[in-house]
PDB file of N, CA and C in Angstrom:
ATOM      1  N   MET A   1      13.302  51.301 -40.934  1.00  0.00           N
ATOM      2  CA  MET A   1      13.142  50.522 -42.106  1.00  0.00           C
ATOM      3  C   MET A   1      13.152  49.217 -41.597  1.00  0.00           C
ATOM      4  N   TYR A   2      12.075  48.328 -42.032  1.00  0.00           N
ATOM      5  CA  TYR A   2      12.216  47.062 -41.743  1.00  0.00           C
ATOM      6  C   TYR A   2      12.807  46.234 -42.860  1.00  0.00           C
ATOM      7  N   THR A   3      13.594  45.130 -42.765  1.00  0.00           N
ATOM      8  CA  THR A   3      14.031  44.328 -43.826  1.00  0.00           C
ATOM      9  C   THR A   3      13.839  42.811 -43.348  1.00  0.00           C
ATOM     10  N   LEU A   4      13.086  42.187 -43.909  1.00  0.00           N
ATOM     11  CA  LEU A   4      12.745  40.768 -43.631  1.00  0.00           C
ATOM     12  C   LEU A   4      13.454  39.949 -44.864  1.00  0.00           C
ATOM     13  N   THR A   5      14.220  39.088 -44.442  1.00  0.00           N
ATOM     14  CA  THR A   5      15.031  38.194 -45.347  1.00  0.00           C
ATOM     15  C   THR A   5      14.641  36.699 -45.000  1.00  0.00           C
ATOM     16  N   GLN A   6      14.063  36.071 -46.044  1.00  0.00           N
ATOM     17  CA  GLN A   6      13.643  34.581 -46.012  1.00  0.00           C
ATOM     18  C   GLN A   6      12.994  34.255 -44.612  1.00  0.00           C
ATOM     19  N   VAL A   7      12.270  35.036 -44.061  1.00  0.00           N
ATOM     20  CA  VAL A   7      11.599  34.827 -42.797  1.00  0.00           C
ATOM     21  C   VAL A   7      10.570  33.605 -42.743  1.00  0.00           C
ATOM     22  N   ALA A   8      10.687  32.804 -41.866  1.00  0.00           N
ATOM     23  CA  ALA A   8       9.612  31.631 -41.750  1.00  0.00           C
ATOM     24  C   ALA A   8       9.254  31.513 -40.186  1.00  0.00           C
ATOM     25  N   LYS A   9       8.194  31.079 -39.971  1.00  0.00           N
ATOM     26  CA  LYS A   9       7.735  30.670 -38.441  1.00  0.00           C
ATOM     27  C   LYS A   9       6.941  29.534 -38.489  1.00  0.00           C
ATOM     28  N   THR A  10       7.513  28.494 -37.762  1.00  0.00           N
ATOM     29  CA  THR A  10       6.689  27.151 -37.773  1.00  0.00           C
ATOM     30  C   THR A  10       6.321  26.941 -36.306  1.00  0.00           C
ATOM     31  N   TYR A  11       5.158  26.539 -36.102  1.00  0.00           N
ATOM     32  CA  TYR A  11       4.780  26.106 -34.707  1.00  0.00           C
ATOM     33  C   TYR A  11       4.571  24.644 -34.609  1.00  0.00           C
ATOM     34  N   HIS A  12       4.772  24.245 -33.455  1.00  0.00           N
ATOM     35  CA  HIS A  12       4.642  22.643 -33.257  1.00  0.00           C
ATOM     36  C   HIS A  12       3.624  22.164 -32.429  1.00  0.00           C
ATOM     37  N   ASN A  13       2.755  21.241 -32.772  1.00  0.00           N
ATOM     38  CA  ASN A  13       1.673  20.678 -32.040  1.00  0.00           C
ATOM     39  C   ASN A  13       1.909  19.271 -31.963  1.00  0.00           C
ATOM     40  N   GLY A  14       2.542  18.839 -30.845  1.00  0.00           N
ATOM     41  CA  GLY A  14       3.106  17.370 -30.665  1.00  0.00           C
ATOM     42  C   GLY A  14       4.122  17.216 -31.854  1.00  0.00           C
ATOM     43  N   SER A  15       3.892  16.222 -32.524  1.00  0.00           N
ATOM     44  CA  SER A  15       4.876  15.850 -33.694  1.00  0.00           C
ATOM     45  C   SER A  15       4.547  16.552 -34.924  1.00  0.00           C
ATOM     46  N   ARG A  16       3.486  17.383 -34.934  1.00  0.00           N
ATOM     47  CA  ARG A  16       2.927  18.005 -36.184  1.00  0.00           C
ATOM     48  C   ARG A  16       3.598  19.493 -36.291  1.00  0.00           C
ATOM     49  N   GLU A  17       4.072  19.724 -37.482  1.00  0.00           N
ATOM     50  CA  GLU A  17       4.721  21.085 -37.729  1.00  0.00           C
ATOM     51  C   GLU A  17       3.512  21.859 -38.426  1.00  0.00           C
ATOM     52  N   ILE A  18       3.416  23.177 -38.051  1.00  0.00           N
ATOM     53  CA  ILE A  18       2.310  24.018 -38.612  1.00  0.00           C
ATOM     54  C   ILE A  18       3.124  25.341 -39.033  1.00  0.00           C
ATOM     55  N   PRO A  19       3.222  25.553 -40.324  1.00  0.00           N
ATOM     56  CA  PRO A  19       3.924  26.607 -40.970  1.00  0.00           C
ATOM     57  C   PRO A  19       2.854  27.828 -40.826  1.00  0.00           C
ATOM     58  N   ALA A  20       3.334  28.894 -40.152  1.00  0.00           N
ATOM     59  CA  ALA A  20       2.472  30.045 -40.062  1.00  0.00           C
ATOM     60  C   ALA A  20       2.915  31.076 -41.119  1.00  0.00           C
ATOM     61  N   VAL A  21       4.157  31.228 -41.321  1.00  0.00           N
ATOM     62  CA  VAL A  21       4.687  32.329 -42.244  1.00  0.00           C
ATOM     63  C   VAL A  21       5.829  31.493 -43.042  1.00  0.00           C
ATOM     64  N   ARG A  22       5.874  31.644 -44.281  1.00  0.00           N
ATOM     65  CA  ARG A  22       6.780  31.057 -45.189  1.00  0.00           C
ATOM     66  C   ARG A  22       7.618  31.888 -45.978  1.00  0.00           C
ATOM     67  N   ASP A  23       8.876  31.886 -45.911  1.00  0.00           N
ATOM     68  CA  ASP A  23       9.713  32.552 -46.907  1.00  0.00           C
ATOM     69  C   ASP A  23       9.375  33.992 -47.328  1.00  0.00           C
ATOM     70  N   ILE A  24       9.178  34.869 -46.329  1.00  0.00           N
ATOM     71  CA  ILE A  24       8.910  36.260 -46.693  1.00  0.00           C
ATOM     72  C   ILE A  24      10.181  37.074 -46.746  1.00  0.00           C
ATOM     73  N   THR A  25      10.346  37.662 -47.863  1.00  0.00           N
ATOM     74  CA  THR A  25      11.472  38.690 -48.232  1.00  0.00           C
ATOM     75  C   THR A  25      10.923  40.017 -48.620  1.00  0.00           C
ATOM     76  N   MET A  26      11.091  41.027 -47.828  1.00  0.00           N
ATOM     77  CA  MET A  26      10.408  42.471 -48.199  1.00  0.00           C
ATOM     78  C   MET A  26      11.101  43.388 -47.447  1.00  0.00           C
ATOM     79  N   ASP A  27      10.965  44.606 -47.860  1.00  0.00           N
ATOM     80  CA  ASP A  27      11.442  45.884 -47.225  1.00  0.00           C
ATOM     81  C   ASP A  27      10.239  46.735 -46.878  1.00  0.00           C
ATOM     82  N   ILE A  28      10.187  47.362 -45.707  1.00  0.00           N
ATOM     83  CA  ILE A  28       9.165  48.289 -45.285  1.00  0.00           C
ATOM     84  C   ILE A  28       9.747  49.619 -44.889  1.00  0.00           C
ATOM     85  N   SER A  29       9.814  50.620 -45.758  1.00  0.00           N
ATOM     86  CA  SER A  29      10.463  51.741 -45.699  1.00  0.00           C
ATOM     87  C   SER A  29       9.789  52.775 -44.656  1.00  0.00           C
ATOM     88  N   ASP A  30      10.640  53.580 -43.987  1.00  0.00           N
ATOM     89  CA  ASP A  30      10.025  54.583 -42.993  1.00  0.00           C
ATOM     90  C   ASP A  30       8.978  55.528 -43.661  1.00  0.00           C
ATOM     91  N   GLY A  31       7.841  55.501 -43.031  1.00  0.00           N
ATOM     92  CA  GLY A  31       6.762  56.236 -43.473  1.00  0.00           C
ATOM     93  C   GLY A  31       5.817  55.569 -44.464  1.00  0.00           C
ATOM     94  N   GLU A  32       6.157  54.268 -44.817  1.00  0.00           N
ATOM     95  CA  GLU A  32       5.306  53.517 -45.843  1.00  0.00           C
ATOM     96  C   GLU A  32       4.215  52.787 -45.023  1.00  0.00           C
ATOM     97  N   TRP A  33       2.999  52.784 -45.615  1.00  0.00           N
ATOM     98  CA  TRP A  33       1.793  52.204 -45.121  1.00  0.00           C
ATOM     99  C   TRP A  33       1.814  50.776 -45.506  1.00  0.00           C
ATOM    100  N   LEU A  34       1.413  49.852 -44.689  1.00  0.00           N
ATOM    101  CA  LEU A  34       1.228  48.503 -45.070  1.00  0.00           C
ATOM    102  C   LEU A  34       0.027  48.036 -44.626  1.00  0.00           C
ATOM    103  N   ALA A  35      -0.791  47.245 -45.356  1.00  0.00           N
ATOM    104  CA  ALA A  35      -1.983  46.552 -44.937  1.00  0.00           C
ATOM    105  C   ALA A  35      -1.735  45.031 -45.172  1.00  0.00           C
ATOM    106  N   ILE A  36      -2.141  44.387 -44.052  1.00  0.00           N
ATOM    107  CA  ILE A  36      -2.078  42.988 -43.954  1.00  0.00           C
ATOM    108  C   ILE A  36      -3.381  42.345 -43.877  1.00  0.00           C
ATOM    109  N   GLN A  37      -3.862  41.527 -44.869  1.00  0.00           N
ATOM    110  CA  GLN A  37      -5.211  40.977 -44.784  1.00  0.00           C
ATOM    111  C   GLN A  37      -5.163  39.531 -45.231  1.00  0.00           C
ATOM    112  N   GLY A  38      -6.127  38.814 -44.912  1.00  0.00           N
ATOM    113  CA  GLY A  38      -6.150  37.256 -45.271  1.00  0.00           C
ATOM    114  C   GLY A  38      -7.252  36.638 -44.420  1.00  0.00           C
ATOM    115  N   ARG A  39      -7.292  35.366 -44.729  1.00  0.00           N
ATOM    116  CA  ARG A  39      -8.354  34.526 -43.999  1.00  0.00           C
ATOM    117  C   ARG A  39      -7.653  34.137 -42.648  1.00  0.00           C
ATOM    118  N   THR A  40      -8.544  33.701 -41.804  1.00  0.00           N
ATOM    119  CA  THR A  40      -8.184  33.167 -40.357  1.00  0.00           C
ATOM    120  C   THR A  40      -7.205  32.152 -40.566  1.00  0.00           C
ATOM    121  N   GLY A  41      -6.099  32.231 -39.686  1.00  0.00           N
ATOM    122  CA  GLY A  41      -5.206  31.124 -39.603  1.00  0.00           C
ATOM    123  C   GLY A  41      -4.098  31.290 -40.721  1.00  0.00           C
ATOM    124  N   HIS A  42      -3.914  32.340 -41.418  1.00  0.00           N
ATOM    125  CA  HIS A  42      -3.015  32.482 -42.481  1.00  0.00           C
ATOM    126  C   HIS A  42      -1.805  33.230 -42.191  1.00  0.00           C
ATOM    127  N   GLY A  43      -1.389  33.562 -40.891  1.00  0.00           N
ATOM    128  CA  GLY A  43      -0.258  34.174 -40.446  1.00  0.00           C
ATOM    129  C   GLY A  43      -0.148  35.555 -40.237  1.00  0.00           C
ATOM    130  N   LYS A  44      -1.343  36.396 -40.237  1.00  0.00           N
ATOM    131  CA  LYS A  44      -1.215  37.685 -40.115  1.00  0.00           C
ATOM    132  C   LYS A  44      -0.823  38.208 -38.750  1.00  0.00           C
ATOM    133  N   THR A  45      -1.275  37.542 -37.677  1.00  0.00           N
ATOM    134  CA  THR A  45      -0.816  37.914 -36.326  1.00  0.00           C
ATOM    135  C   THR A  45       0.555  37.577 -36.162  1.00  0.00           C
ATOM    136  N   THR A  46       0.966  36.395 -36.596  1.00  0.00           N
ATOM    137  CA  THR A  46       2.199  35.925 -36.534  1.00  0.00           C
ATOM    138  C   THR A  46       3.230  36.898 -37.102  1.00  0.00           C
ATOM    139  N   LEU A  47       3.018  37.452 -38.260  1.00  0.00           N
ATOM    140  CA  LEU A  47       3.867  38.397 -38.968  1.00  0.00           C
ATOM    141  C   LEU A  47       3.813  39.654 -38.209  1.00  0.00           C
ATOM    142  N   LEU A  48       2.682  40.145 -37.578  1.00  0.00           N
ATOM    143  CA  LEU A  48       2.883  41.366 -36.838  1.00  0.00           C
ATOM    144  C   LEU A  48       3.628  41.120 -35.442  1.00  0.00           C
ATOM    145  N   GLN A  49       3.632  39.920 -34.949  1.00  0.00           N
ATOM    146  CA  GLN A  49       4.436  39.627 -33.837  1.00  0.00           C
ATOM    147  C   GLN A  49       5.821  39.589 -34.127  1.00  0.00           C
ATOM    148  N   LEU A  50       6.328  39.121 -35.325  1.00  0.00           N
ATOM    149  CA  LEU A  50       7.735  39.088 -35.750  1.00  0.00           C
ATOM    150  C   LEU A  50       8.046  40.667 -36.026  1.00  0.00           C
ATOM    151  N   LEU A  51       7.330  41.340 -36.549  1.00  0.00           N
ATOM    152  CA  LEU A  51       7.739  42.669 -36.898  1.00  0.00           C
ATOM    153  C   LEU A  51       7.834  43.602 -35.510  1.00  0.00           C
ATOM    154  N   GLY A  52       7.004  43.205 -34.484  1.00  0.00           N
ATOM    155  CA  GLY A  52       7.142  44.052 -33.225  1.00  0.00           C
ATOM    156  C   GLY A  52       8.047  43.301 -32.223  1.00  0.00           C
ATOM    157  N   GLY A  53       8.866  42.374 -32.711  1.00  0.00           N
ATOM    158  CA  GLY A  53       9.863  41.786 -31.860  1.00  0.00           C
ATOM    159  C   GLY A  53       9.271  41.010 -30.610  1.00  0.00           C
ATOM    160  N   LEU A  54       7.945  40.587 -30.826  1.00  0.00           N
ATOM    161  CA  LEU A  54       7.325  39.773 -29.854  1.00  0.00           C
ATOM    162  C   LEU A  54       7.581  38.316 -29.925  1.00  0.00           C
ATOM    163  N   ASP A  55       7.976  37.971 -31.135  1.00  0.00           N
ATOM    164  CA  ASP A  55       8.304  36.513 -31.438  1.00  0.00           C
ATOM    165  C   ASP A  55       9.506  36.372 -32.363  1.00  0.00           C
ATOM    166  N   ARG A  56      10.158  35.251 -32.255  1.00  0.00           N
ATOM    167  CA  ARG A  56      11.253  35.059 -33.046  1.00  0.00           C
ATOM    168  C   ARG A  56      11.037  34.179 -34.238  1.00  0.00           C
ATOM    169  N   PRO A  57      11.764  34.453 -35.398  1.00  0.00           N
ATOM    170  CA  PRO A  57      11.431  33.571 -36.590  1.00  0.00           C
ATOM    171  C   PRO A  57      12.030  32.231 -36.419  1.00  0.00           C
ATOM    172  N   THR A  58      11.466  31.247 -36.983  1.00  0.00           N
ATOM    173  CA  THR A  58      12.074  29.917 -37.020  1.00  0.00           C
ATOM    174  C   THR A  58      13.279  29.985 -37.921  1.00  0.00           C
ATOM    175  N   ALA A  59      13.294  30.702 -39.023  1.00  0.00           N
ATOM    176  CA  ALA A  59      14.277  30.845 -39.968  1.00  0.00           C
ATOM    177  C   ALA A  59      14.207  32.255 -40.593  1.00  0.00           C
ATOM    178  N   GLY A  60      15.406  32.789 -41.023  1.00  0.00           N
ATOM    179  CA  GLY A  60      15.419  34.207 -41.665  1.00  0.00           C
ATOM    180  C   GLY A  60      15.733  35.183 -40.605  1.00  0.00           C
ATOM    181  N   ILE A  61      15.795  36.386 -41.136  1.00  0.00           N
ATOM    182  CA  ILE A  61      16.251  37.670 -40.333  1.00  0.00           C
ATOM    183  C   ILE A  61      15.321  38.770 -40.317  1.00  0.00           C
ATOM    184  N   VAL A  62      14.863  39.267 -39.267  1.00  0.00           N
ATOM    185  CA  VAL A  62      13.934  40.394 -39.169  1.00  0.00           C
ATOM    186  C   VAL A  62      14.778  41.722 -38.706  1.00  0.00           C
ATOM    187  N   ASN A  63      15.111  42.580 -39.391  1.00  0.00           N
ATOM    188  CA  ASN A  63      15.787  43.697 -39.033  1.00  0.00           C
ATOM    189  C   ASN A  63      15.081  44.995 -38.838  1.00  0.00           C
ATOM    190  N   LEU A  64      15.184  45.805 -37.932  1.00  0.00           N
ATOM    191  CA  LEU A  64      14.602  47.088 -37.753  1.00  0.00           C
ATOM    192  C   LEU A  64      15.711  48.016 -37.636  1.00  0.00           C
ATOM    193  N   ASP A  65      15.786  49.045 -38.717  1.00  0.00           N
ATOM    194  CA  ASP A  65      16.903  49.969 -38.651  1.00  0.00           C
ATOM    195  C   ASP A  65      18.260  49.372 -38.562  1.00  0.00           C
ATOM    196  N   GLY A  66      18.497  48.219 -39.030  1.00  0.00           N
ATOM    197  CA  GLY A  66      19.814  47.486 -38.983  1.00  0.00           C
ATOM    198  C   GLY A  66      19.992  46.762 -37.719  1.00  0.00           C
ATOM    199  N   HIS A  67      19.022  46.587 -36.858  1.00  0.00           N
ATOM    200  CA  HIS A  67      19.123  45.847 -35.757  1.00  0.00           C
ATOM    201  C   HIS A  67      18.353  44.438 -35.854  1.00  0.00           C
ATOM    202  N   ASP A  68      18.888  43.310 -35.663  1.00  0.00           N
ATOM    203  CA  ASP A  68      18.244  41.992 -35.612  1.00  0.00           C
ATOM    204  C   ASP A  68      17.179  41.855 -34.403  1.00  0.00           C
ATOM    205  N   LEU A  69      16.009  41.729 -34.771  1.00  0.00           N
ATOM    206  CA  LEU A  69      14.930  41.842 -33.672  1.00  0.00           C
ATOM    207  C   LEU A  69      14.963  40.308 -32.920  1.00  0.00           C
ATOM    208  N   ALA A  70      15.625  39.343 -33.466  1.00  0.00           N
ATOM    209  CA  ALA A  70      15.766  38.078 -32.780  1.00  0.00           C
ATOM    210  C   ALA A  70      16.779  38.258 -31.706  1.00  0.00           C
TER     211      ALA A  70
END
């Protein structure tokens, strides 16, 4: 089971901050299906990277079966 608590991810381009994911709080239970859709540049890939443990959130906690992925 995934538990996301106030997860945010911000990228930096020089002095500019680019928010990719903002304040996501949700649970994804074992066996549950999830579809992620949206326009280009709205954080879909970033969210999947956070869920897969390939990236760390700027803020918040991503837990998989009680283990913090960060």
